[in-house]
Amino acid sequence: MTALVHQRCWNHASREAAARCPVCQRFYCRECVTEHEGRMMCAGCAANAAERVAEAPRSKTAIWALCGVAGILLAWMIFYYLGAMLARIPSDFFEKPA
């Protein structure tokens, strides 16, 4: 394995490398890397990671919305069938003294 000291920046051949991108495995100087979620990445990989992070909340929001609608539908069905069952009980059942 080559030492980081002997590596050169992928974009600037005259500069020594300061970090290695964990995604594309290329070496970059201090000006070419950026921090994303605690890791030093090149600008291209950081932009791709940011797009993936931005897409995730939409799918989570859709799942939570679907769960909410399903919960409301389930509650409505329970109350509907409970009411239907109570409506089938003869009225004289409620008129008898205890």
Protein backbone atom coordinates (compact mmCIF):
# COMPACT_ATOMS: atom_id res chain seq x y z
CA MET A 1 0.00 0.00 0.00
CA THR A 2 1.39 3.39 -0.96
CA ALA A 3 1.72 6.06 1.68
CA LEU A 4 -0.53 9.12 1.51
CA VAL A 5 2.56 11.36 1.50
CA HIS A 6 3.64 10.03 -1.89
CA GLN A 7 0.23 10.42 -3.54
CA ARG A 8 -0.89 13.37 -5.67
CA CYS A 9 -4.31 14.95 -6.07
CA TRP A 10 -6.49 13.45 -8.79
CA ASN A 11 -7.48 16.92 -10.04
CA HIS A 12 -4.23 18.81 -9.33
CA ALA A 13 -1.15 16.75 -10.14
CA SER A 14 1.22 19.31 -8.61
CA ARG A 15 -0.39 19.11 -5.14
CA GLU A 16 0.11 16.37 -2.59
CA ALA A 17 -2.93 14.39 -1.51
CA ALA A 18 -4.53 15.16 1.83
CA ALA A 19 -7.32 12.58 1.84
CA ARG A 20 -8.64 9.56 0.01
CA CYS A 21 -12.29 9.43 -0.96
CA PRO A 22 -13.85 6.31 0.61
CA VAL A 23 -16.31 5.93 -2.27
CA CYS A 24 -14.22 6.28 -5.43
CA GLN A 25 -10.90 5.43 -3.72
CA ARG A 26 -9.05 8.35 -5.37
CA PHE A 27 -6.66 10.74 -3.64
CA TYR A 28 -7.47 14.47 -3.39
CA CYS A 29 -5.87 17.64 -2.01
CA ARG A 30 -7.42 19.77 0.75
CA GLU A 31 -9.30 21.95 -1.71
CA CYS A 32 -10.94 19.03 -3.51
CA VAL A 33 -12.40 17.20 -0.50
CA THR A 34 -15.39 18.09 1.63
CA GLU A 35 -16.86 16.65 4.81
CA HIS A 36 -20.15 14.75 4.48
CA GLU A 37 -21.68 12.94 7.48
CA GLY A 38 -18.34 12.78 9.26
CA ARG A 39 -16.36 11.47 6.27
CA MET A 40 -14.04 13.32 3.90
CA MET A 41 -15.26 12.79 0.31
CA CYS A 42 -14.57 14.26 -3.10
CA ALA A 43 -17.11 16.78 -4.38
CA GLY A 44 -18.67 14.36 -6.89
CA CYS A 45 -19.22 11.56 -4.40
CA ALA A 46 -20.50 14.02 -1.77
CA ALA A 47 -23.05 15.37 -4.27
CA ASN A 48 -24.22 11.83 -5.09
CA ALA A 49 -24.50 10.99 -1.39
CA ALA A 50 -26.49 14.17 -0.74
CA GLU A 51 -28.94 13.25 -3.54
CA ARG A 52 -29.47 9.79 -2.05
CA VAL A 53 -30.09 11.31 1.39
CA ALA A 54 -32.56 13.79 -0.10
CA GLU A 55 -34.55 11.00 -1.78
CA ALA A 56 -34.98 8.93 1.38
CA PRO A 57 -37.35 11.25 3.29
CA ARG A 58 -39.88 11.21 0.46
CA SER A 59 -40.22 7.44 0.64
CA LYS A 60 -40.43 7.53 4.45
CA THR A 61 -43.10 10.20 4.27
CA ALA A 62 -45.12 8.08 1.83
CA ILE A 63 -44.84 5.04 4.10
CA TRP A 64 -45.97 7.03 7.15
CA ALA A 65 -48.86 8.52 5.20
CA LEU A 66 -49.93 5.05 4.04
CA CYS A 67 -49.74 3.75 7.63
CA GLY A 68 -51.86 6.68 8.82
CA VAL A 69 -54.53 6.06 6.19
CA ALA A 70 -54.53 2.34 6.96
CA GLY A 71 -54.92 3.08 10.69
CA ILE A 72 -57.86 5.41 10.10
CA LEU A 73 -59.49 2.84 7.82
CA LEU A 74 -59.00 0.09 10.41
CA ALA A 75 -60.50 2.26 13.18
CA TRP A 76 -63.48 3.11 10.97
CA MET A 77 -64.07 -0.58 10.19
CA ILE A 78 -63.91 -1.54 13.87
CA PHE A 79 -66.46 1.13 14.87
CA TYR A 80 -68.68 0.32 11.88
CA TYR A 81 -68.85 -3.43 12.62
CA LEU A 82 -69.22 -2.81 16.35
CA GLY A 83 -72.19 -0.54 15.64
CA ALA A 84 -73.69 -3.07 13.23
CA MET A 85 -73.34 -5.80 15.84
CA LEU A 86 -74.98 -3.65 18.52
CA ALA A 87 -77.80 -2.76 16.12
CA ARG A 88 -78.64 -6.46 15.67
CA ILE A 89 -79.30 -6.96 19.41
CA PRO A 90 -83.06 -7.01 20.02
CA SER A 91 -84.42 -3.89 21.71
CA ASP A 92 -86.18 -5.88 24.43
CA PHE A 93 -82.74 -6.95 25.69
CA PHE A 94 -82.14 -3.37 26.80
CA GLU A 95 -85.60 -2.93 28.38
CA LYS A 96 -85.39 -5.81 30.87
CA PRO A 97 -84.56 -4.82 34.44
CA ALA A 98 -81.40 -6.21 35.95
